[in-house]
């Protein structure tokens, strides 16, 4: 069951999620040995408590889901999440500033979160569904320049999601310098394996249990 499970950030970011939902997420993540659980920052402390000693990491989103808040706010959220025990951070790029080609501020925005991460893994969501092919390439280079560790396709909140073509493109630009996280709409084992084959080194999905159970049946 570890073949695909080790790629998965098991995700629950719905605004209506209650503490009992997070507890269940953590129990399933431990059972299936996912890479991390991915939760809103307000639930990091709970997830850390439930996963202590299991080997499953806790990933907090930052500036989610729009990425349009002040850099100081993102940095503060990143710092608080780290203090609560987060082992990884998934931040949303400031897409509006990027579209305006204000690359210096976009880079600085990412760097501020990387600094507060204090060596922990930082993934940057560029929201590929809102970008042209050229913009996807430029965004990936900015993520690399800013010192982050992954470029991530999508929040999953704006429709669309991860596609094989986008993952291939990001992987081609990254050239192994950073990882590629595919996220948004990943529901089946077949889809997960196609994205991994395209170059994804991590998958963000709320359907992790179904995917792993499907893998078990097929293999």
Protein backbone atom coordinates (compact mmCIF):
# COMPACT_ATOMS: atom_id res chain seq x y z
CA UNK A 1 0.00 0.00 0.00
CA UNK A 2 3.02 2.28 0.27
CA UNK A 3 3.65 2.54 -3.48
CA UNK A 4 1.34 5.50 -4.05
CA UNK A 5 0.68 6.36 -0.39
CA UNK A 6 4.17 7.79 0.09
CA UNK A 7 3.39 10.46 -2.52
CA UNK A 8 0.19 11.64 -0.89
CA UNK A 9 -0.49 14.74 1.19
CA UNK A 10 -3.86 13.67 2.60
CA UNK A 11 -5.89 16.85 2.51
CA UNK A 12 -8.83 18.38 4.36
CA UNK A 13 -9.21 22.13 3.80
CA UNK A 14 -12.98 22.58 3.73
CA UNK A 15 -14.13 25.55 5.81
CA UNK A 16 -16.81 23.43 7.48
CA UNK A 17 -14.33 20.80 8.74
CA UNK A 18 -14.71 20.22 12.49
CA UNK A 19 -12.07 18.86 14.90
CA UNK A 20 -13.51 15.34 14.69
CA UNK A 21 -12.93 15.41 10.93
CA UNK A 22 -9.26 16.27 11.47
CA UNK A 23 -8.89 13.48 14.00
CA UNK A 24 -10.32 11.02 11.48
CA UNK A 25 -8.00 12.41 8.77
CA UNK A 26 -4.99 11.79 11.01
CA UNK A 27 -6.10 8.28 11.92
CA UNK A 28 -6.47 7.37 8.26
CA UNK A 29 -3.15 8.99 7.39
CA UNK A 30 -1.42 6.91 10.04
CA UNK A 31 -3.14 3.72 8.91
CA UNK A 32 -2.23 4.19 5.25
CA UNK A 33 1.14 5.83 5.90
CA UNK A 34 0.66 8.91 3.81
CA UNK A 35 3.48 11.46 3.52
CA UNK A 36 1.55 14.16 5.39
CA UNK A 37 -1.85 15.47 6.28
CA UNK A 38 -2.55 18.91 4.84
CA UNK A 39 -4.77 21.14 6.97
CA UNK A 40 -5.61 24.76 7.61
CA UNK A 41 -3.23 26.43 10.05
CA UNK A 42 -5.83 26.51 12.82
CA UNK A 43 -5.76 22.71 12.94
CA UNK A 44 -1.99 22.19 12.86
CA UNK A 45 -1.63 21.79 16.62
CA UNK A 46 -4.38 19.16 16.74
CA UNK A 47 -2.90 17.23 13.82
CA UNK A 48 0.57 17.34 15.35
CA UNK A 49 -0.78 15.92 18.61
CA UNK A 50 -2.60 13.10 16.84
CA UNK A 51 0.33 12.16 14.59
CA UNK A 52 3.17 12.39 17.12
CA UNK A 53 5.60 9.52 16.62
CA UNK A 54 3.83 8.10 13.56
CA UNK A 55 6.19 9.31 10.85
CA UNK A 56 3.36 11.17 9.10
CA UNK A 57 4.12 14.87 8.66
CA UNK A 58 1.78 17.81 9.12
CA UNK A 59 1.50 20.32 6.30
CA UNK A 60 -0.17 23.70 6.84
CA UNK A 61 -1.52 25.92 4.09
CA UNK A 62 -0.51 29.60 4.15
CA UNK A 63 -2.39 32.48 2.55
CA UNK A 64 -4.99 29.97 1.41
CA UNK A 65 -6.85 29.87 -0.92
CA UNK A 66 -6.37 33.22 -2.70
CA UNK A 67 -2.78 34.22 -1.92
CA UNK A 68 -3.71 37.90 -2.04
CA UNK A 69 -3.09 38.86 1.60
CA UNK A 70 -0.18 40.95 2.82
CA UNK A 71 3.24 39.33 2.81
CA UNK A 72 3.48 40.09 6.52
CA UNK A 73 0.29 38.10 7.08
CA UNK A 74 1.66 35.10 5.18
CA UNK A 75 4.92 35.29 7.10
CA UNK A 76 3.07 35.48 10.41
CA UNK A 77 0.88 32.51 9.52
CA UNK A 78 3.93 30.52 8.44
CA UNK A 79 5.71 31.32 11.69
CA UNK A 80 2.69 30.37 13.79
CA UNK A 81 2.22 27.11 11.89
CA UNK A 82 5.87 26.19 12.42
CA UNK A 83 5.60 27.01 16.11
CA UNK A 84 2.54 24.74 16.28
CA UNK A 85 4.62 21.92 14.83
CA UNK A 86 4.04 21.98 11.06
CA UNK A 87 6.73 20.11 9.15
CA UNK A 88 5.74 21.50 5.74
CA UNK A 89 4.03 24.62 4.39
CA UNK A 90 1.95 25.02 1.22
CA UNK A 91 1.64 28.73 0.41
CA UNK A 92 -0.36 30.40 -2.35
CA UNK A 93 1.56 32.70 -4.67
CA UNK A 94 0.22 36.24 -5.06
CA UNK A 95 -1.38 35.57 -8.43
CA UNK A 96 -2.52 39.14 -9.05
CA UNK A 97 0.96 40.57 -8.58
CA UNK A 98 2.34 37.80 -10.75
CA UNK A 99 -0.14 38.61 -13.51
CA UNK A 100 0.96 42.24 -13.24
CA UNK A 101 4.54 41.02 -13.77
CA UNK A 102 5.65 42.43 -10.42
CA UNK A 103 8.07 39.57 -10.06
CA UNK A 104 10.21 41.21 -7.38
CA UNK A 105 7.28 41.41 -4.97
CA UNK A 106 6.15 37.88 -5.83
CA UNK A 107 9.65 36.57 -5.17
CA UNK A 108 9.88 38.50 -1.90
CA UNK A 109 6.49 37.16 -0.85
CA UNK A 110 7.71 33.58 -1.24
CA UNK A 111 11.06 34.33 0.37
CA UNK A 112 9.32 35.69 3.46
CA UNK A 113 7.53 32.38 3.98
CA UNK A 114 10.68 30.37 3.23
CA UNK A 115 12.50 32.39 5.89
CA UNK A 116 9.85 31.67 8.52
CA UNK A 117 9.81 28.00 7.55
CA UNK A 118 13.33 27.75 8.99
CA UNK A 119 14.42 24.92 6.72
CA UNK A 120 11.10 23.11 6.52
CA UNK A 121 9.66 22.16 3.15
CA UNK A 122 7.80 24.97 1.38
CA UNK A 123 5.54 24.30 -1.59
CA UNK A 124 4.21 27.19 -3.67
CA UNK A 125 0.78 26.96 -5.27
CA UNK A 126 0.80 28.85 -8.58
CA UNK A 127 -2.81 28.06 -9.61
CA UNK A 128 -2.04 26.72 -13.08
CA UNK A 129 -5.67 27.05 -14.19
CA UNK A 130 -5.27 30.83 -14.18
CA UNK A 131 -1.95 30.93 -16.05
CA UNK A 132 -0.75 30.65 -19.63
CA UNK A 133 1.99 28.17 -20.53
CA UNK A 134 4.57 30.96 -20.51
CA UNK A 135 3.34 32.17 -17.13
CA UNK A 136 3.58 28.65 -15.70
CA UNK A 137 7.22 28.48 -16.75
CA UNK A 138 7.99 31.91 -15.32
CA UNK A 139 6.21 31.11 -12.05
CA UNK A 140 8.19 27.89 -11.64
CA UNK A 141 11.47 29.76 -12.13
CA UNK A 142 10.39 32.33 -9.52
CA UNK A 143 9.61 29.56 -7.05
CA UNK A 144 13.08 28.14 -7.58
CA UNK A 145 14.75 31.54 -7.26
CA UNK A 146 12.89 32.23 -4.01
CA UNK A 147 14.30 29.10 -2.38
CA UNK A 148 11.11 27.01 -2.10
CA UNK A 149 11.19 23.25 -2.44
CA UNK A 150 8.13 22.45 -4.59
CA UNK A 151 5.94 24.09 -7.19
CA UNK A 152 2.30 23.04 -6.75
CA UNK A 153 -0.37 23.15 -9.42
CA UNK A 154 -3.59 24.19 -7.70
CA UNK A 155 -5.56 24.97 -4.58
CA UNK A 156 -8.47 22.91 -5.86
CA UNK A 157 -10.80 25.76 -4.91
CA UNK A 158 -11.04 27.45 -8.31
CA UNK A 159 -12.16 24.55 -10.48
CA UNK A 160 -10.00 22.51 -12.78
CA UNK A 161 -7.02 21.07 -10.98
CA UNK A 162 -3.97 19.01 -11.80
CA UNK A 163 -3.47 17.90 -15.39
CA UNK A 164 -0.87 15.62 -16.90
CA UNK A 165 0.14 18.37 -19.32
CA UNK A 166 0.71 20.92 -16.55
CA UNK A 167 2.74 18.49 -14.47
CA UNK A 168 4.90 17.63 -17.47
CA UNK A 169 5.50 21.31 -18.15
CA UNK A 170 6.39 22.17 -14.54
CA UNK A 171 8.68 19.14 -14.31
CA UNK A 172 10.45 20.14 -17.52
CA UNK A 173 11.13 23.61 -16.12
CA UNK A 174 12.07 22.34 -12.67
CA UNK A 175 14.58 19.83 -14.06
CA UNK A 176 14.89 18.17 -10.68
CA UNK A 177 15.87 21.37 -8.89
CA UNK A 178 12.59 21.31 -6.95
CA UNK A 179 9.71 18.89 -6.62
CA UNK A 180 6.37 19.11 -8.39
CA UNK A 181 3.14 18.65 -6.41
CA UNK A 182 0.02 17.84 -8.37
CA UNK A 183 -3.16 18.85 -6.59
CA UNK A 184 -6.81 19.40 -7.39
CA UNK A 185 -9.32 16.81 -8.59
CA UNK A 186 -7.15 13.70 -8.09
CA UNK A 187 -9.68 10.95 -7.41
CA UNK A 188 -8.42 7.65 -8.82
CA UNK A 189 -5.36 5.42 -8.70
CA UNK A 190 -5.06 5.56 -12.50
CA UNK A 191 -5.04 9.36 -12.44
CA UNK A 192 -2.53 9.43 -9.58
CA UNK A 193 -0.12 7.11 -11.41
CA UNK A 194 -0.44 9.13 -14.63
CA UNK A 195 0.53 12.29 -12.76
CA UNK A 196 3.48 10.54 -11.11
CA UNK A 197 4.60 9.28 -14.52
CA UNK A 198 4.33 12.87 -15.80
CA UNK A 199 6.76 14.05 -13.14
CA UNK A 200 4.79 14.66 -9.94
CA UNK A 201 6.82 13.93 -6.82
CA UNK A 202 3.94 14.63 -4.43
CA UNK A 203 0.15 14.45 -4.74
CA UNK A 204 -2.40 16.51 -2.84
CA UNK A 205 -5.75 14.79 -2.53
CA UNK A 206 -8.69 14.27 -0.20
CA UNK A 207 -9.31 10.89 -1.85
CA UNK A 208 -6.16 9.22 -0.56
CA UNK A 209 -7.88 6.27 1.07
CA UNK A 210 -9.90 5.47 -2.05
CA UNK A 211 -6.79 5.74 -4.23
CA UNK A 212 -4.73 3.41 -2.05
CA UNK A 213 -7.54 0.88 -1.77
CA UNK A 214 -7.95 0.97 -5.54
CA UNK A 215 -4.23 0.31 -5.92
CA UNK A 216 -4.48 -2.66 -3.57
CA UNK A 217 -7.23 -4.21 -5.71
CA UNK A 218 -5.40 -3.62 -8.98
CA UNK A 219 -2.05 -4.93 -7.80
